[in-house]
Protein backbone atom coordinates (compact mmCIF):
# COMPACT_ATOMS: atom_id res chain seq x y z
CA ASP A 1 -0.26 -9.77 -20.93
CA ILE A 2 -0.82 -5.99 -20.89
CA THR A 3 2.32 -3.82 -20.97
CA PHE A 4 2.76 -0.03 -21.02
CA THR A 5 6.33 1.20 -21.44
CA SER A 6 5.62 4.81 -20.43
CA THR A 7 3.06 7.01 -18.67
CA ILE A 8 -0.74 7.09 -18.89
CA ASP A 9 -2.68 10.39 -18.71
CA ASP A 10 -6.13 11.70 -19.52
CA ASP A 11 -6.44 14.05 -22.48
CA GLY A 12 -7.91 16.76 -20.25
CA ALA A 13 -10.96 17.29 -22.49
CA GLY A 14 -14.24 17.08 -20.60
CA SER A 15 -14.75 14.54 -17.84
CA ALA A 16 -11.78 12.37 -16.98
CA SER A 17 -11.84 8.95 -18.63
CA ASN A 18 -11.91 5.78 -16.55
CA LEU A 19 -9.36 2.99 -17.11
CA THR A 20 -9.96 -0.73 -16.63
CA LEU A 21 -7.21 -3.28 -17.30
CA ASP A 22 -8.15 -6.97 -17.31
CA ALA A 23 -5.52 -9.50 -18.40
CA ASP A 24 -7.24 -12.75 -17.39
CA GLY A 25 -4.26 -14.82 -16.17
CA GLY A 26 -1.66 -12.60 -17.82
CA ALA A 27 0.64 -10.05 -16.23
CA ILE A 28 0.02 -6.29 -16.22
CA SER A 29 3.01 -3.93 -16.19
CA ILE A 30 3.02 -0.12 -16.35
CA ALA A 31 6.52 1.39 -16.43
CA GLY A 32 5.41 5.01 -15.98
CA SER A 33 3.09 6.83 -13.61
CA ILE A 34 -0.66 6.93 -14.16
CA GLY A 35 -2.27 10.38 -14.17
CA ALA A 36 0.89 12.20 -13.06
CA THR A 37 0.39 14.99 -15.63
CA THR A 38 -3.39 14.87 -16.12
CA ALA A 39 -5.48 12.74 -13.79
CA ILE A 40 -7.70 9.97 -15.10
CA GLY A 41 -11.06 8.93 -13.60
CA THR A 42 -11.50 5.60 -11.86
CA LEU A 43 -8.77 2.96 -12.11
CA THR A 44 -9.48 -0.78 -11.99
CA ILE A 45 -6.76 -3.40 -12.54
CA ASN A 46 -7.55 -7.14 -12.53
CA ASN A 47 -10.07 -6.55 -9.79
CA ALA A 48 -13.31 -8.12 -10.96
CA ASP A 49 -12.52 -11.82 -11.31
CA THR A 50 -10.31 -14.04 -9.14
CA ALA A 51 -9.45 -16.12 -12.23
CA HIS A 52 -7.49 -13.09 -13.39
CA ASP A 53 -4.47 -13.83 -11.24
CA GLY A 54 -1.49 -12.40 -13.14
CA THR A 55 1.29 -10.35 -11.56
CA ILE A 56 0.69 -6.58 -11.47
CA THR A 57 3.67 -4.19 -11.53
CA LEU A 58 3.11 -0.45 -11.14
CA ALA A 59 5.44 2.58 -10.99
CA GLY A 60 3.04 5.13 -9.51
CA ILE A 61 -0.25 6.98 -9.62
CA GLY A 62 -0.34 10.78 -9.60
CA ASN A 63 2.45 12.96 -8.34
CA SER A 64 1.89 16.12 -6.29
CA ALA A 65 -1.84 15.67 -6.96
CA ALA A 66 -4.02 12.61 -7.22
CA GLY A 67 -3.70 10.72 -10.50
CA ALA A 68 -6.97 8.76 -10.33
CA THR A 69 -10.22 8.75 -8.37
CA THR A 70 -11.63 5.50 -6.94
CA THR A 71 -8.97 2.82 -7.43
CA ASN A 72 -9.13 -0.97 -7.07
CA ILE A 73 -6.00 -3.00 -7.83
CA GLY A 74 -5.71 -6.76 -7.69
CA ASN A 75 -7.89 -9.45 -6.16
CA SER A 76 -7.56 -12.35 -3.73
CA SER A 77 -5.86 -14.49 -6.40
CA THR A 78 -3.34 -11.95 -7.74
CA THR A 79 0.03 -13.74 -7.88
CA ALA A 80 1.99 -10.63 -6.87
CA LEU A 81 1.37 -6.90 -6.67
CA ASN A 82 4.65 -4.98 -7.12
CA LEU A 83 4.61 -1.30 -6.12
CA ALA A 84 7.41 1.28 -6.34
CA GLY A 85 7.01 5.06 -6.31
CA THR A 86 4.27 7.51 -5.36
CA PHE A 87 0.65 6.32 -5.37
CA PHE A 88 -1.64 9.33 -4.83
CA THR A 89 -5.31 8.56 -5.40
CA GLY A 90 -8.35 10.80 -5.03
CA GLY A 91 -10.92 8.21 -4.01
CA ASP A 92 -11.36 5.11 -1.88
CA THR A 93 -8.51 2.76 -2.81
CA THR A 94 -7.91 -0.97 -2.43
CA TYR A 95 -4.70 -2.96 -2.95
CA GLU A 96 -4.91 -6.76 -2.90
CA SER A 97 -2.94 -9.91 -3.65
CA LYS A 98 -3.32 -13.58 -2.82
CA ALA A 99 -2.53 -14.75 0.72
CA GLY A 100 1.14 -14.58 1.66
CA GLU A 101 3.84 -11.92 1.31
CA PHE A 102 2.87 -10.90 -2.21
CA ILE A 103 2.21 -7.16 -1.93
CA GLU A 104 5.80 -6.28 -2.77
CA ILE A 105 7.28 -2.83 -2.05
CA THR A 106 10.34 -2.87 -4.28
CA ASN A 107 11.61 0.69 -3.73
CA ASP A 108 10.91 3.64 -1.41
CA THR A 109 7.16 4.08 -1.75
CA THR A 110 4.47 6.52 -0.63
CA ILE A 111 0.81 5.49 -0.82
CA LYS A 112 -1.70 8.20 0.01
CA THR A 113 -5.01 9.96 -0.47
CA GLY A 114 -5.80 13.62 0.17
CA ALA A 115 -5.17 14.99 3.65
CA SER A 116 -8.80 16.07 4.22
CA ALA A 117 -10.59 14.20 1.44
CA GLY A 118 -12.06 11.42 3.60
CA HIS A 119 -10.92 8.67 1.23
CA ASP A 120 -10.05 5.26 2.67
CA ILE A 121 -7.06 3.04 1.85
CA THR A 122 -7.51 -0.70 2.30
CA PHE A 123 -5.02 -3.54 1.91
CA GLN A 124 -6.56 -7.01 1.65
CA THR A 125 -5.72 -10.73 1.75
CA GLY A 126 -1.97 -10.63 1.03
CA LYS A 127 0.80 -9.37 3.30
CA ILE A 128 3.09 -6.42 2.59
CA ASP A 129 6.75 -7.29 1.98
CA ILE A 130 9.28 -4.42 1.86
CA ALA A 131 12.59 -4.81 0.02
CA ASN A 132 15.85 -4.51 1.91
CA THR A 133 16.76 -0.89 2.91
CA LYS A 134 13.51 0.50 1.43
CA ASN A 135 10.91 2.52 3.31
CA LEU A 136 7.12 2.68 3.16
CA THR A 137 4.79 5.59 3.92
CA VAL A 138 1.01 5.10 3.90
CA ASN A 139 -1.19 8.13 4.60
CA SER A 140 -4.97 8.21 4.19
CA GLY A 141 -5.37 11.72 5.61
CA ASP A 142 -8.62 11.76 7.58
CA GLY A 143 -9.85 8.63 5.78
CA ASP A 144 -9.67 5.18 7.32
CA LEU A 145 -6.57 3.05 6.80
CA THR A 146 -6.69 -0.74 7.00
CA LEU A 147 -3.39 -2.60 6.75
CA VAL A 148 -2.49 -6.27 6.54
CA ASP A 149 0.64 -7.81 8.10
CA ILE A 150 3.85 -6.00 7.16
CA HIS A 151 7.26 -7.66 6.80
CA GLY A 152 10.64 -6.77 5.34
CA ASP A 153 13.41 -8.57 3.51
CA GLY A 154 16.25 -6.74 5.20
CA THR A 155 19.03 -7.74 7.52
CA THR A 156 20.45 -4.22 7.78
CA ASP A 157 17.84 -2.82 10.21
CA THR A 158 17.11 0.25 8.10
CA THR A 159 13.55 -0.19 6.81
CA ASP A 160 11.15 2.40 8.28
CA LEU A 161 7.35 2.61 8.29
CA ASP A 162 5.30 5.81 8.51
CA ILE A 163 1.58 5.08 8.86
CA ASP A 164 -1.02 7.88 9.16
CA GLY A 165 -4.80 8.04 8.86
CA GLY A 166 -8.11 8.57 10.57
CA ALA A 167 -9.13 5.21 11.99
CA VAL A 168 -5.96 3.14 11.52
CA SER A 169 -5.90 -0.65 11.79
CA VAL A 170 -2.62 -2.57 11.61
CA GLY A 171 -1.79 -6.29 11.68
CA ASN A 172 1.46 -7.94 12.67
CA ILE A 173 4.58 -5.92 11.88
CA GLY A 174 7.93 -7.70 11.65
CA LEU A 175 8.76 -11.17 12.96
CA SER A 176 9.93 -12.52 16.30
CA THR A 177 12.49 -14.66 14.45
CA ALA A 178 13.72 -11.81 12.22
CA LYS A 179 13.39 -8.59 14.18
CA ASP A 180 15.79 -6.84 11.82
CA GLU A 181 13.13 -6.80 9.10
CA ILE A 182 11.91 -3.43 10.38
CA ASN A 183 13.80 -0.61 12.13
CA GLY A 184 11.47 2.30 12.89
CA ILE A 185 7.66 2.52 13.05
CA ASN A 186 5.56 5.65 13.38
CA ILE A 187 1.77 5.21 13.53
CA THR A 188 -0.60 8.17 13.86
CA GLY A 189 -4.38 8.02 13.81
CA THR A 190 -7.49 9.41 15.39
CA THR A 191 -7.79 5.83 16.62
CA VAL A 192 -5.25 3.02 16.23
CA THR A 193 -6.31 -0.63 16.36
CA LEU A 194 -3.56 -3.18 16.96
CA ASN A 195 -4.31 -6.67 15.61
CA GLY A 196 -0.95 -8.34 16.19
CA ALA A 197 2.58 -8.16 17.51
CA ILE A 198 5.12 -5.50 16.51
CA TYR A 199 8.87 -6.24 16.32
CA THR A 200 11.74 -3.89 15.48
CA ALA A 201 15.52 -4.05 15.68
CA GLY A 202 18.57 -2.01 14.76
CA THR A 203 20.33 1.10 15.99
CA ASP A 204 17.90 3.59 17.58
CA ASN A 205 14.92 1.46 16.52
CA THR A 206 11.62 2.94 17.68
CA VAL A 207 7.89 2.36 17.79
CA ASP A 208 5.87 5.58 18.14
CA ILE A 209 2.06 5.41 18.25
CA THR A 210 -0.09 8.55 18.43
CA GLY A 211 -3.85 8.27 18.91
CA ALA A 212 -6.29 6.34 21.07
CA VAL A 213 -5.19 2.68 20.92
CA THR A 214 -7.45 -0.39 20.95
CA LEU A 215 -6.06 -3.90 21.51
CA ALA A 216 -8.23 -6.00 19.19
CA THR A 217 -6.90 -9.55 19.28
CA GLY A 218 -6.16 -10.37 22.90
CA ASP A 219 -2.63 -9.97 24.23
CA ILE A 220 -0.45 -7.64 22.14
CA LEU A 221 3.36 -7.66 22.20
CA ILE A 222 5.52 -4.73 21.14
CA ASP A 223 9.18 -5.75 21.19
CA THR A 224 12.04 -3.37 20.35
């Protein structure tokens, strides 16, 4: 295993240092933010080899400014990717877990790149699972944003999604058999591609989509 009990920052001398963490099958846990005070260079966590399948738990990248440049976290075998906090990266960024609901949002979380930086955010293989009553914001500025299916754990109809980017692509959101997973959804993009059904429930639940919409996978259902 690899465990950090506090923050990780660059020393600020010269070019920012890159950080690669590779725990084979062990877990990786970082209790503090990465680059929140002084940004590091590239960040790579258990990304290179699918045999390196340990759980990854992170508390944030950056703060009011990006904390790392190009960032690649997890791979298609990662047992679970647990995210909670602010994740502000200054380069193309990928988040990945194994198939299933194993990209876990365990607290209110914002995942973003710069507003006009042109950096993409991509989620791969796994599905996003949001803890009960928690909210998720994903904003790639004018970069492309590719999302996998998004689900929630809640039965209180209070989980909200705010999704913004250039070319935005979303999968299924919510479930027909558990509409109370998600309450409100706001999607804004230059273009928005819908790849699956969208379900919401709860008081004043809404689905707002801004941008030119493409229906990519045949019939699309939006059910509030």
